[in-house]
């Protein structure tokens, strides 16, 4: 698959090989990827649509997820944003997450809205 990596060198930049598509929506697409240097490390890569409105929403989402990740209480029940998130790939903001077995829609459908 395609290799997705930061267009600028950073300490946390990584390169990922696309293994497949997890989901697509109006706001973004989520890809299943493996780390090129650690092929057993599978992540969910969220590629935000390339337009100004989506970019602003993505920056807000990144800020919130980083605050939650730094909180001792907030990181138990929240998907983990991985280092390297937030760079641009072909004008798309990227976010890397731990891979989950179900997305939010599937979880709500299976367990109800009281989850």
PDB file of N, CA and C in Angstrom:
ATOM      1  N   UNK A   1       0.817  -1.194   0.000  1.00  0.00           N
ATOM      2  CA  UNK A   1       0.000   0.000   0.000  1.00  0.00           C
ATOM      3  C   UNK A   1       0.852   1.246   0.000  1.00  0.00           C
ATOM      4  N   UNK A   2       0.190   2.360  -0.108  1.00  0.00           N
ATOM      5  CA  UNK A   2       0.860   3.655  -0.109  1.00  0.00           C
ATOM      6  C   UNK A   2       1.539   3.904   1.226  1.00  0.00           C
ATOM      7  N   UNK A   3       2.670   4.616   1.200  1.00  0.00           N
ATOM      8  CA  UNK A   3       3.361   5.027   2.419  1.00  0.00           C
ATOM      9  C   UNK A   3       2.940   6.454   2.731  1.00  0.00           C
ATOM     10  N   UNK A   4       2.497   6.686   3.959  1.00  0.00           N
ATOM     11  CA  UNK A   4       2.099   8.014   4.405  1.00  0.00           C
ATOM     12  C   UNK A   4       3.079   8.441   5.471  1.00  0.00           C
ATOM     13  N   UNK A   5       3.728   9.591   5.265  1.00  0.00           N
ATOM     14  CA  UNK A   5       4.682  10.082   6.249  1.00  0.00           C
ATOM     15  C   UNK A   5       4.674  11.599   6.250  1.00  0.00           C
ATOM     16  N   UNK A   6       5.256  12.150   7.290  1.00  0.00           N
ATOM     17  CA  UNK A   6       5.333  13.593   7.438  1.00  0.00           C
ATOM     18  C   UNK A   6       6.168  14.181   6.312  1.00  0.00           C
ATOM     19  N   UNK A   7       5.753  15.342   5.819  1.00  0.00           N
ATOM     20  CA  UNK A   7       6.523  16.007   4.777  1.00  0.00           C
ATOM     21  C   UNK A   7       7.644  16.853   5.376  1.00  0.00           C
ATOM     22  N   UNK A   8       7.717  16.904   6.709  1.00  0.00           N
ATOM     23  CA  UNK A   8       8.801  17.619   7.368  1.00  0.00           C
ATOM     24  C   UNK A   8       9.323  16.745   8.511  1.00  0.00           C
ATOM     25  N   UNK A   9      10.648  16.763   8.749  1.00  0.00           N
ATOM     26  CA  UNK A   9      11.208  15.891   9.799  1.00  0.00           C
ATOM     27  C   UNK A   9      10.887  16.411  11.201  1.00  0.00           C
ATOM     28  N   UNK A  10      10.375  15.533  12.046  1.00  0.00           N
ATOM     29  CA  UNK A  10      10.148  15.861  13.452  1.00  0.00           C
ATOM     30  C   UNK A  10      10.555  14.665  14.286  1.00  0.00           C
ATOM     31  N   UNK A  11      10.663  14.877  15.569  1.00  0.00           N
ATOM     32  CA  UNK A  11      11.037  13.794  16.466  1.00  0.00           C
ATOM     33  C   UNK A  11       9.989  12.699  16.465  1.00  0.00           C
ATOM     34  N   UNK A  12       8.709  13.081  16.358  1.00  0.00           N
ATOM     35  CA  UNK A  12       7.633  12.103  16.459  1.00  0.00           C
ATOM     36  C   UNK A  12       7.115  11.626  15.111  1.00  0.00           C
ATOM     37  N   UNK A  13       7.690  12.130  14.029  1.00  0.00           N
ATOM     38  CA  UNK A  13       7.190  11.739  12.705  1.00  0.00           C
ATOM     39  C   UNK A  13       7.409  10.251  12.480  1.00  0.00           C
ATOM     40  N   UNK A  14       6.481   9.638  11.811  1.00  0.00           N
ATOM     41  CA  UNK A  14       6.575   8.212  11.513  1.00  0.00           C
ATOM     42  C   UNK A  14       6.055   7.988  10.103  1.00  0.00           C
ATOM     43  N   UNK A  15       6.336   6.829   9.584  1.00  0.00           N
ATOM     44  CA  UNK A  15       5.815   6.463   8.272  1.00  0.00           C
ATOM     45  C   UNK A  15       4.952   5.224   8.427  1.00  0.00           C
ATOM     46  N   UNK A  16       3.830   5.214   7.750  1.00  0.00           N
ATOM     47  CA  UNK A  16       2.876   4.124   7.862  1.00  0.00           C
ATOM     48  C   UNK A  16       2.507   3.603   6.483  1.00  0.00           C
ATOM     49  N   UNK A  17       2.332   2.298   6.387  1.00  0.00           N
ATOM     50  CA  UNK A  17       1.882   1.659   5.153  1.00  0.00           C
ATOM     51  C   UNK A  17       0.380   1.420   5.272  1.00  0.00           C
ATOM     52  N   UNK A  18      -0.356   1.856   4.267  1.00  0.00           N
ATOM     53  CA  UNK A  18      -1.807   1.693   4.267  1.00  0.00           C
ATOM     54  C   UNK A  18      -2.151   0.233   3.996  1.00  0.00           C
ATOM     55  N   UNK A  19      -2.942  -0.367   4.904  1.00  0.00           N
ATOM     56  CA  UNK A  19      -3.376  -1.757   4.763  1.00  0.00           C
ATOM     57  C   UNK A  19      -4.804  -1.857   4.237  1.00  0.00           C
ATOM     58  N   UNK A  20      -5.592  -0.825   4.464  1.00  0.00           N
ATOM     59  CA  UNK A  20      -6.983  -0.851   4.020  1.00  0.00           C
ATOM     60  C   UNK A  20      -7.764   0.323   4.570  1.00  0.00           C
ATOM     61  N   UNK A  21      -9.022   0.409   4.197  1.00  0.00           N
ATOM     62  CA  UNK A  21      -9.917   1.480   4.635  1.00  0.00           C
ATOM     63  C   UNK A  21     -10.797   0.948   5.763  1.00  0.00           C
ATOM     64  N   UNK A  22     -10.827   1.678   6.885  1.00  0.00           N
ATOM     65  CA  UNK A  22     -11.705   1.317   8.003  1.00  0.00           C
ATOM     66  C   UNK A  22     -13.065   1.969   7.817  1.00  0.00           C
ATOM     67  N   UNK A  23     -13.058   3.233   7.400  1.00  0.00           N
ATOM     68  CA  UNK A  23     -14.323   3.920   7.204  1.00  0.00           C
ATOM     69  C   UNK A  23     -14.147   5.247   6.501  1.00  0.00           C
ATOM     70  N   UNK A  24     -15.258   5.741   5.943  1.00  0.00           N
ATOM     71  CA  UNK A  24     -15.259   7.038   5.255  1.00  0.00           C
ATOM     72  C   UNK A  24     -16.485   7.804   5.694  1.00  0.00           C
ATOM     73  N   UNK A  25     -16.320   9.110   5.824  1.00  0.00           N
ATOM     74  CA  UNK A  25     -17.437   9.958   6.188  1.00  0.00           C
ATOM     75  C   UNK A  25     -17.302  11.316   5.541  1.00  0.00           C
ATOM     76  N   UNK A  26     -18.163  12.215   5.917  1.00  0.00           N
ATOM     77  CA  UNK A  26     -18.158  13.562   5.361  1.00  0.00           C
ATOM     78  C   UNK A  26     -16.914  14.319   5.815  1.00  0.00           C
ATOM     79  N   UNK A  27     -16.515  14.117   7.058  1.00  0.00           N
ATOM     80  CA  UNK A  27     -15.422  14.856   7.679  1.00  0.00           C
ATOM     81  C   UNK A  27     -14.057  14.274   7.338  1.00  0.00           C
ATOM     82  N   UNK A  28     -13.961  12.936   7.255  1.00  0.00           N
ATOM     83  CA  UNK A  28     -12.651  12.304   7.102  1.00  0.00           C
ATOM     84  C   UNK A  28     -12.769  10.875   6.602  1.00  0.00           C
ATOM     85  N   UNK A  29     -11.614  10.302   6.339  1.00  0.00           N
ATOM     86  CA  UNK A  29     -11.506   8.867   6.056  1.00  0.00           C
ATOM     87  C   UNK A  29     -10.555   8.276   7.091  1.00  0.00           C
ATOM     88  N   UNK A  30     -10.811   7.041   7.494  1.00  0.00           N
ATOM     89  CA  UNK A  30      -9.946   6.372   8.460  1.00  0.00           C
ATOM     90  C   UNK A  30      -9.347   5.140   7.791  1.00  0.00           C
ATOM     91  N   UNK A  31      -8.022   5.062   7.851  1.00  0.00           N
ATOM     92  CA  UNK A  31      -7.291   3.978   7.210  1.00  0.00           C
ATOM     93  C   UNK A  31      -6.626   3.089   8.254  1.00  0.00           C
ATOM     94  N   UNK A  32      -6.569   1.808   7.978  1.00  0.00           N
ATOM     95  CA  UNK A  32      -5.824   0.868   8.811  1.00  0.00           C
ATOM     96  C   UNK A  32      -4.400   0.855   8.261  1.00  0.00           C
ATOM     97  N   UNK A  33      -3.423   1.135   9.124  1.00  0.00           N
ATOM     98  CA  UNK A  33      -2.037   1.247   8.685  1.00  0.00           C
ATOM     99  C   UNK A  33      -1.109   0.503   9.636  1.00  0.00           C
ATOM    100  N   UNK A  34       0.073   0.144   9.123  1.00  0.00           N
ATOM    101  CA  UNK A  34       1.113  -0.409   9.989  1.00  0.00           C
ATOM    102  C   UNK A  34       2.330   0.507   9.927  1.00  0.00           C
ATOM    103  N   UNK A  35       3.034   0.583  11.031  1.00  0.00           N
ATOM    104  CA  UNK A  35       4.254   1.364  11.130  1.00  0.00           C
ATOM    105  C   UNK A  35       5.305   0.693  10.252  1.00  0.00           C
ATOM    106  N   UNK A  36       5.962   1.451   9.399  1.00  0.00           N
ATOM    107  CA  UNK A  36       6.964   0.890   8.486  1.00  0.00           C
ATOM    108  C   UNK A  36       8.134   0.286   9.270  1.00  0.00           C
ATOM    109  N   UNK A  37       8.498   0.908  10.393  1.00  0.00           N
ATOM    110  CA  UNK A  37       9.623   0.402  11.185  1.00  0.00           C
ATOM    111  C   UNK A  37       9.225  -0.710  12.144  1.00  0.00           C
ATOM    112  N   UNK A  38       7.938  -0.796  12.487  1.00  0.00           N
ATOM    113  CA  UNK A  38       7.413  -1.842  13.372  1.00  0.00           C
ATOM    114  C   UNK A  38       6.158  -2.419  12.721  1.00  0.00           C
ATOM    115  N   UNK A  39       6.304  -3.359  11.776  1.00  0.00           N
ATOM    116  CA  UNK A  39       5.145  -3.860  11.025  1.00  0.00           C
ATOM    117  C   UNK A  39       4.012  -4.444  11.879  1.00  0.00           C
ATOM    118  N   UNK A  40       4.299  -4.862  13.100  1.00  0.00           N
ATOM    119  CA  UNK A  40       3.246  -5.407  13.973  1.00  0.00           C
ATOM    120  C   UNK A  40       2.465  -4.311  14.690  1.00  0.00           C
ATOM    121  N   UNK A  41       2.912  -3.072  14.579  1.00  0.00           N
ATOM    122  CA  UNK A  41       2.219  -1.950  15.211  1.00  0.00           C
ATOM    123  C   UNK A  41       1.167  -1.417  14.237  1.00  0.00           C
ATOM    124  N   UNK A  42      -0.095  -1.728  14.515  1.00  0.00           N
ATOM    125  CA  UNK A  42      -1.208  -1.324  13.648  1.00  0.00           C
ATOM    126  C   UNK A  42      -1.895  -0.110  14.275  1.00  0.00           C
ATOM    127  N   UNK A  43      -2.186   0.886  13.454  1.00  0.00           N
ATOM    128  CA  UNK A  43      -2.843   2.107  13.924  1.00  0.00           C
ATOM    129  C   UNK A  43      -4.010   2.456  13.013  1.00  0.00           C
ATOM    130  N   UNK A  44      -4.868   3.330  13.516  1.00  0.00           N
ATOM    131  CA  UNK A  44      -5.933   3.910  12.705  1.00  0.00           C
ATOM    132  C   UNK A  44      -5.478   5.324  12.347  1.00  0.00           C
ATOM    133  N   UNK A  45      -5.388   5.614  11.065  1.00  0.00           N
ATOM    134  CA  UNK A  45      -4.969   6.920  10.576  1.00  0.00           C
ATOM    135  C   UNK A  45      -6.191   7.662  10.064  1.00  0.00           C
ATOM    136  N   UNK A  46      -6.474   8.790  10.667  1.00  0.00           N
ATOM    137  CA  UNK A  46      -7.611   9.609  10.254  1.00  0.00           C
ATOM    138  C   UNK A  46      -7.085  10.723   9.359  1.00  0.00           C
ATOM    139  N   UNK A  47      -7.543  10.746   8.110  1.00  0.00           N
ATOM    140  CA  UNK A  47      -7.180  11.789   7.149  1.00  0.00           C
ATOM    141  C   UNK A  47      -8.354  12.752   7.024  1.00  0.00           C
ATOM    142  N   UNK A  48      -8.151  13.991   7.459  1.00  0.00           N
ATOM    143  CA  UNK A  48      -9.209  14.985   7.439  1.00  0.00           C
ATOM    144  C   UNK A  48      -9.342  15.557   6.022  1.00  0.00           C
ATOM    145  N   UNK A  49     -10.568  15.776   5.580  1.00  0.00           N
ATOM    146  CA  UNK A  49     -10.812  16.358   4.261  1.00  0.00           C
ATOM    147  C   UNK A  49     -10.035  17.669   4.104  1.00  0.00           C
ATOM    148  N   UNK A  50      -9.616  17.953   2.906  1.00  0.00           N
ATOM    149  CA  UNK A  50      -8.762  19.101   2.617  1.00  0.00           C
ATOM    150  C   UNK A  50      -9.590  20.333   2.263  1.00  0.00           C
ATOM    151  N   UNK A  51     -10.088  21.017   3.292  1.00  0.00           N
ATOM    152  CA  UNK A  51     -10.690  22.338   3.087  1.00  0.00           C
ATOM    153  C   UNK A  51     -10.604  23.115   4.394  1.00  0.00           C
ATOM    154  N   UNK A  52     -10.784  24.417   4.322  1.00  0.00           N
ATOM    155  CA  UNK A  52     -10.555  25.285   5.473  1.00  0.00           C
ATOM    156  C   UNK A  52     -11.445  24.960   6.671  1.00  0.00           C
ATOM    157  N   UNK A  53     -12.717  24.698   6.444  1.00  0.00           N
ATOM    158  CA  UNK A  53     -13.655  24.391   7.528  1.00  0.00           C
ATOM    159  C   UNK A  53     -13.247  23.114   8.255  1.00  0.00           C
ATOM    160  N   UNK A  54     -12.922  22.079   7.488  1.00  0.00           N
ATOM    161  CA  UNK A  54     -12.525  20.803   8.087  1.00  0.00           C
ATOM    162  C   UNK A  54     -11.186  20.935   8.814  1.00  0.00           C
ATOM    163  N   UNK A  55     -10.282  21.735   8.267  1.00  0.00           N
ATOM    164  CA  UNK A  55      -8.974  21.942   8.898  1.00  0.00           C
ATOM    165  C   UNK A  55      -9.135  22.617  10.264  1.00  0.00           C
ATOM    166  N   UNK A  56     -10.019  23.605  10.346  1.00  0.00           N
ATOM    167  CA  UNK A  56     -10.268  24.279  11.634  1.00  0.00           C
ATOM    168  C   UNK A  56     -10.878  23.310  12.642  1.00  0.00           C
ATOM    169  N   UNK A  57     -11.825  22.508  12.198  1.00  0.00           N
ATOM    170  CA  UNK A  57     -12.441  21.519  13.093  1.00  0.00           C
ATOM    171  C   UNK A  57     -11.410  20.495  13.546  1.00  0.00           C
ATOM    172  N   UNK A  58     -10.519  20.092  12.651  1.00  0.00           N
ATOM    173  CA  UNK A  58      -9.485  19.112  12.991  1.00  0.00           C
ATOM    174  C   UNK A  58      -8.513  19.679  14.025  1.00  0.00           C
ATOM    175  N   UNK A  59      -8.141  20.941  13.874  1.00  0.00           N
ATOM    176  CA  UNK A  59      -7.239  21.568  14.853  1.00  0.00           C
ATOM    177  C   UNK A  59      -7.897  21.622  16.234  1.00  0.00           C
ATOM    178  N   UNK A  60      -9.186  21.902  16.263  1.00  0.00           N
ATOM    179  CA  UNK A  60      -9.927  21.921  17.537  1.00  0.00           C
ATOM    180  C   UNK A  60      -9.964  20.517  18.135  1.00  0.00           C
ATOM    181  N   UNK A  61     -10.242  19.513  17.294  1.00  0.00           N
ATOM    182  CA  UNK A  61     -10.261  18.123  17.760  1.00  0.00           C
ATOM    183  C   UNK A  61      -8.899  17.717  18.314  1.00  0.00           C
ATOM    184  N   UNK A  62      -7.823  18.094  17.626  1.00  0.00           N
ATOM    185  CA  UNK A  62      -6.474  17.785  18.104  1.00  0.00           C
ATOM    186  C   UNK A  62      -6.217  18.410  19.474  1.00  0.00           C
ATOM    187  N   UNK A  63      -6.599  19.684  19.635  1.00  0.00           N
ATOM    188  CA  UNK A  63      -6.401  20.355  20.931  1.00  0.00           C
ATOM    189  C   UNK A  63      -7.136  19.620  22.046  1.00  0.00           C
ATOM    190  N   UNK A  64      -8.388  19.248  21.799  1.00  0.00           N
ATOM    191  CA  UNK A  64      -9.191  18.554  22.816  1.00  0.00           C
ATOM    192  C   UNK A  64      -8.586  17.195  23.151  1.00  0.00           C
ATOM    193  N   UNK A  65      -8.202  16.432  22.125  1.00  0.00           N
ATOM    194  CA  UNK A  65      -7.625  15.107  22.358  1.00  0.00           C
ATOM    195  C   UNK A  65      -6.295  15.186  23.101  1.00  0.00           C
ATOM    196  N   UNK A  66      -5.504  16.213  22.831  1.00  0.00           N
ATOM    197  CA  UNK A  66      -4.231  16.381  23.549  1.00  0.00           C
ATOM    198  C   UNK A  66      -4.475  16.736  25.015  1.00  0.00           C
ATOM    199  N   UNK A  67      -5.491  17.554  25.282  1.00  0.00           N
ATOM    200  CA  UNK A  67      -5.852  17.880  26.668  1.00  0.00           C
ATOM    201  C   UNK A  67      -6.309  16.613  27.393  1.00  0.00           C
ATOM    202  N   UNK A  68      -7.171  15.825  26.741  1.00  0.00           N
ATOM    203  CA  UNK A  68      -7.641  14.577  27.349  1.00  0.00           C
ATOM    204  C   UNK A  68      -6.492  13.602  27.598  1.00  0.00           C
ATOM    205  N   UNK A  69      -5.547  13.529  26.663  1.00  0.00           N
ATOM    206  CA  UNK A  69      -4.412  12.616  26.810  1.00  0.00           C
ATOM    207  C   UNK A  69      -3.519  13.013  27.967  1.00  0.00           C
ATOM    208  N   UNK A  70      -3.425  14.314  28.250  1.00  0.00           N
ATOM    209  CA  UNK A  70      -2.562  14.775  29.341  1.00  0.00           C
ATOM    210  C   UNK A  70      -3.251  14.674  30.702  1.00  0.00           C
ATOM    211  N   UNK A  71      -4.582  14.481  30.695  1.00  0.00           N
ATOM    212  CA  UNK A  71      -5.346  14.361  31.928  1.00  0.00           C
ATOM    213  C   UNK A  71      -5.238  12.942  32.475  1.00  0.00           C
ATOM    214  N   UNK A  72      -4.976  12.814  33.759  1.00  0.00           N
ATOM    215  CA  UNK A  72      -4.894  11.490  34.376  1.00  0.00           C
ATOM    216  C   UNK A  72      -6.256  10.804  34.391  1.00  0.00           C
ATOM    217  N   UNK A  73      -7.322  11.581  34.471  1.00  0.00           N
ATOM    218  CA  UNK A  73      -8.667  11.018  34.527  1.00  0.00           C
ATOM    219  C   UNK A  73      -9.245  10.776  33.133  1.00  0.00           C
ATOM    220  N   UNK A  74      -8.867  11.597  32.160  1.00  0.00           N
ATOM    221  CA  UNK A  74      -9.497  11.575  30.853  1.00  0.00           C
ATOM    222  C   UNK A  74      -9.033  10.504  29.900  1.00  0.00           C
ATOM    223  N   UNK A  75      -7.908   9.858  30.188  1.00  0.00           N
ATOM    224  CA  UNK A  75      -7.365   8.952  29.183  1.00  0.00           C
ATOM    225  C   UNK A  75      -7.779   7.493  29.350  1.00  0.00           C
ATOM    226  N   UNK A  76      -8.649   7.187  30.295  1.00  0.00           N
ATOM    227  CA  UNK A  76      -9.078   5.794  30.461  1.00  0.00           C
ATOM    228  C   UNK A  76     -10.188   5.399  29.499  1.00  0.00           C
ATOM    229  N   UNK A  77     -11.078   6.314  29.218  1.00  0.00           N
ATOM    230  CA  UNK A  77     -12.241   6.005  28.398  1.00  0.00           C
ATOM    231  C   UNK A  77     -12.254   6.793  27.085  1.00  0.00           C
ATOM    232  N   UNK A  78     -11.099   7.182  26.637  1.00  0.00           N
ATOM    233  CA  UNK A  78     -10.994   7.964  25.419  1.00  0.00           C
ATOM    234  C   UNK A  78      -9.960   7.316  24.510  1.00  0.00           C
ATOM    235  N   UNK A  79     -10.280   7.227  23.234  1.00  0.00           N
ATOM    236  CA  UNK A  79      -9.321   6.671  22.287  1.00  0.00           C
ATOM    237  C   UNK A  79      -8.034   7.500  22.367  1.00  0.00           C
ATOM    238  N   UNK A  80      -6.898   6.838  22.280  1.00  0.00           N
ATOM    239  CA  UNK A  80      -5.613   7.496  22.470  1.00  0.00           C
ATOM    240  C   UNK A  80      -5.055   8.052  21.167  1.00  0.00           C
ATOM    241  N   UNK A  81      -4.826   9.361  21.156  1.00  0.00           N
ATOM    242  CA  UNK A  81      -4.163  10.036  20.053  1.00  0.00           C
ATOM    243  C   UNK A  81      -2.678   9.703  20.160  1.00  0.00           C
ATOM    244  N   UNK A  82      -2.081   9.218  19.082  1.00  0.00           N
ATOM    245  CA  UNK A  82      -0.686   8.791  19.118  1.00  0.00           C
ATOM    246  C   UNK A  82       0.256   9.911  18.683  1.00  0.00           C
ATOM    247  N   UNK A  83       1.517   9.863  19.147  1.00  0.00           N
ATOM    248  CA  UNK A  83       2.507  10.870  18.735  1.00  0.00           C
ATOM    249  C   UNK A  83       2.640  10.913  17.215  1.00  0.00           C
ATOM    250  N   UNK A  84       2.878  12.094  16.698  1.00  0.00           N
ATOM    251  CA  UNK A  84       3.006  12.275  15.259  1.00  0.00           C
ATOM    252  C   UNK A  84       1.737  12.818  14.641  1.00  0.00           C
ATOM    253  N   UNK A  85       0.666  12.857  15.399  1.00  0.00           N
ATOM    254  CA  UNK A  85      -0.608  13.364  14.880  1.00  0.00           C
ATOM    255  C   UNK A  85      -0.522  14.859  14.617  1.00  0.00           C
ATOM    256  N   UNK A  86      -1.245  15.296  13.612  1.00  0.00           N
ATOM    257  CA  UNK A  86      -1.359  16.722  13.347  1.00  0.00           C
ATOM    258  C   UNK A  86      -0.547  17.236  12.178  1.00  0.00           C
ATOM    259  N   UNK A  87       0.294  16.412  11.572  1.00  0.00           N
ATOM    260  CA  UNK A  87       1.020  16.916  10.412  1.00  0.00           C
ATOM    261  C   UNK A  87       0.152  16.820   9.167  1.00  0.00           C
ATOM    262  N   UNK A  88       0.577  17.491   8.111  1.00  0.00           N
ATOM    263  CA  UNK A  88      -0.178  17.459   6.864  1.00  0.00           C
ATOM    264  C   UNK A  88       0.426  16.458   5.899  1.00  0.00           C
ATOM    265  N   UNK A  89      -0.437  15.703   5.234  1.00  0.00           N
ATOM    266  CA  UNK A  89      -0.043  14.778   4.170  1.00  0.00           C
ATOM    267  C   UNK A  89      -0.897  15.120   2.962  1.00  0.00           C
ATOM    268  N   UNK A  90      -0.265  15.665   1.930  1.00  0.00           N
ATOM    269  CA  UNK A  90      -0.990  16.064   0.712  1.00  0.00           C
ATOM    270  C   UNK A  90      -2.194  16.953   1.036  1.00  0.00           C
ATOM    271  N   UNK A  91      -1.975  17.945   1.886  1.00  0.00           N
ATOM    272  CA  UNK A  91      -2.994  18.926   2.312  1.00  0.00           C
ATOM    273  C   UNK A  91      -4.097  18.340   3.196  1.00  0.00           C
ATOM    274  N   UNK A  92      -3.897  17.158   3.749  1.00  0.00           N
ATOM    275  CA  UNK A  92      -4.841  16.561   4.692  1.00  0.00           C
ATOM    276  C   UNK A  92      -4.181  16.518   6.065  1.00  0.00           C
ATOM    277  N   UNK A  93      -4.880  17.001   7.084  1.00  0.00           N
ATOM    278  CA  UNK A  93      -4.368  16.874   8.454  1.00  0.00           C
ATOM    279  C   UNK A  93      -4.546  15.422   8.862  1.00  0.00           C
ATOM    280  N   UNK A  94      -3.547  14.874   9.541  1.00  0.00           N
ATOM    281  CA  UNK A  94      -3.594  13.473   9.949  1.00  0.00           C
ATOM    282  C   UNK A  94      -3.689  13.352  11.461  1.00  0.00           C
ATOM    283  N   UNK A  95      -4.356  12.296  11.886  1.00  0.00           N
ATOM    284  CA  UNK A  95      -4.404  11.935  13.307  1.00  0.00           C
ATOM    285  C   UNK A  95      -4.206  10.432  13.390  1.00  0.00           C
ATOM    286  N   UNK A  96      -3.355  10.006  14.307  1.00  0.00           N
ATOM    287  CA  UNK A  96      -3.094   8.584  14.503  1.00  0.00           C
ATOM    288  C   UNK A  96      -3.698   8.150  15.829  1.00  0.00           C
ATOM    289  N   UNK A  97      -4.391   7.023  15.805  1.00  0.00           N
ATOM    290  CA  UNK A  97      -5.039   6.508  17.011  1.00  0.00           C
ATOM    291  C   UNK A  97      -4.697   5.041  17.192  1.00  0.00           C
ATOM    292  N   UNK A  98      -4.822   4.596  18.435  1.00  0.00           N
ATOM    293  CA  UNK A  98      -4.774   3.162  18.668  1.00  0.00           C
ATOM    294  C   UNK A  98      -5.910   2.546  17.870  1.00  0.00           C
ATOM    295  N   UNK A  99      -5.732   1.362  17.381  1.00  0.00           N
ATOM    296  CA  UNK A  99      -6.779   0.711  16.583  1.00  0.00           C
ATOM    297  C   UNK A  99      -7.814   0.119  17.543  1.00  0.00           C
ATOM    298  N   UNK A 100      -9.069   0.293  17.219  1.00  0.00           N
ATOM    299  CA  UNK A 100     -10.160  -0.217  18.046  1.00  0.00           C
ATOM    300  C   UNK A 100     -10.916  -1.286  17.257  1.00  0.00           C
ATOM    301  N   UNK A 101     -11.607  -2.159  17.963  1.00  0.00           N
ATOM    302  CA  UNK A 101     -12.365  -3.224  17.300  1.00  0.00           C
ATOM    303  C   UNK A 101     -13.669  -2.724  16.692  1.00  0.00           C
ATOM    304  N   UNK A 102     -14.228  -1.645  17.274  1.00  0.00           N
ATOM    305  CA  UNK A 102     -15.477  -1.082  16.770  1.00  0.00           C
ATOM    306  C   UNK A 102     -15.361   0.438  16.760  1.00  0.00           C
ATOM    307  N   UNK A 103     -16.030   1.067  15.806  1.00  0.00           N
ATOM    308  CA  UNK A 103     -16.086   2.530  15.829  1.00  0.00           C
ATOM    309  C   UNK A 103     -17.241   2.960  16.738  1.00  0.00           C
ATOM    310  N   UNK A 104     -17.386   4.264  16.922  1.00  0.00           N
ATOM    311  CA  UNK A 104     -18.411   4.772  17.838  1.00  0.00           C
ATOM    312  C   UNK A 104     -19.815   4.363  17.403  1.00  0.00           C
ATOM    313  N   UNK A 105     -20.112   4.454  16.116  1.00  0.00           N
ATOM    314  CA  UNK A 105     -21.443   4.083  15.613  1.00  0.00           C
ATOM    315  C   UNK A 105     -21.746   2.615  15.919  1.00  0.00           C
ATOM    316  N   UNK A 106     -20.780   1.717  15.674  1.00  0.00           N
ATOM    317  CA  UNK A 106     -20.976   0.285  15.940  1.00  0.00           C
ATOM    318  C   UNK A 106     -21.151   0.018  17.434  1.00  0.00           C
ATOM    319  N   UNK A 107     -20.382   0.729  18.258  1.00  0.00           N
ATOM    320  CA  UNK A 107     -20.479   0.563  19.715  1.00  0.00           C
ATOM    321  C   UNK A 107     -21.856   0.966  20.218  1.00  0.00           C
ATOM    322  N   UNK A 108     -22.346   2.122  19.756  1.00  0.00           N
ATOM    323  CA  UNK A 108     -23.670   2.592  20.177  1.00  0.00           C
ATOM    324  C   UNK A 108     -24.767   1.645  19.710  1.00  0.00           C
ATOM    325  N   UNK A 109     -24.626   1.116  18.499  1.00  0.00           N
ATOM    326  CA  UNK A 109     -25.620   0.177  17.981  1.00  0.00           C
ATOM    327  C   UNK A 109     -25.644  -1.119  18.808  1.00  0.00           C
ATOM    328  N   UNK A 110     -24.450  -1.600  19.172  1.00  0.00           N
ATOM    329  CA  UNK A 110     -24.376  -2.873  19.912  1.00  0.00           C
ATOM    330  C   UNK A 110     -24.764  -2.726  21.381  1.00  0.00           C
ATOM    331  N   UNK A 111     -24.317  -1.651  22.031  1.00  0.00           N
ATOM    332  CA  UNK A 111     -24.491  -1.527  23.477  1.00  0.00           C
ATOM    333  C   UNK A 111     -25.525  -0.488  23.907  1.00  0.00           C
ATOM    334  N   UNK A 112     -26.039   0.283  22.973  1.00  0.00           N
ATOM    335  CA  UNK A 112     -27.024   1.308  23.322  1.00  0.00           C
ATOM    336  C   UNK A 112     -26.376   2.637  23.618  1.00  0.00           C
ATOM    337  N   UNK A 113     -27.229   3.655  23.717  1.00  0.00           N
ATOM    338  CA  UNK A 113     -26.725   5.026  23.902  1.00  0.00           C
ATOM    339  C   UNK A 113     -26.275   5.318  25.316  1.00  0.00           C
ATOM    340  N   UNK A 114     -26.521   4.417  26.248  1.00  0.00           N
ATOM    341  CA  UNK A 114     -26.109   4.628  27.629  1.00  0.00           C
ATOM    342  C   UNK A 114     -24.671   4.225  27.913  1.00  0.00           C
ATOM    343  N   UNK A 115     -23.905   3.897  26.886  1.00  0.00           N
ATOM    344  CA  UNK A 115     -22.524   3.435  27.063  1.00  0.00           C
ATOM    345  C   UNK A 115     -21.675   4.553  27.593  1.00  0.00           C
TER     346      UNK A 115
END
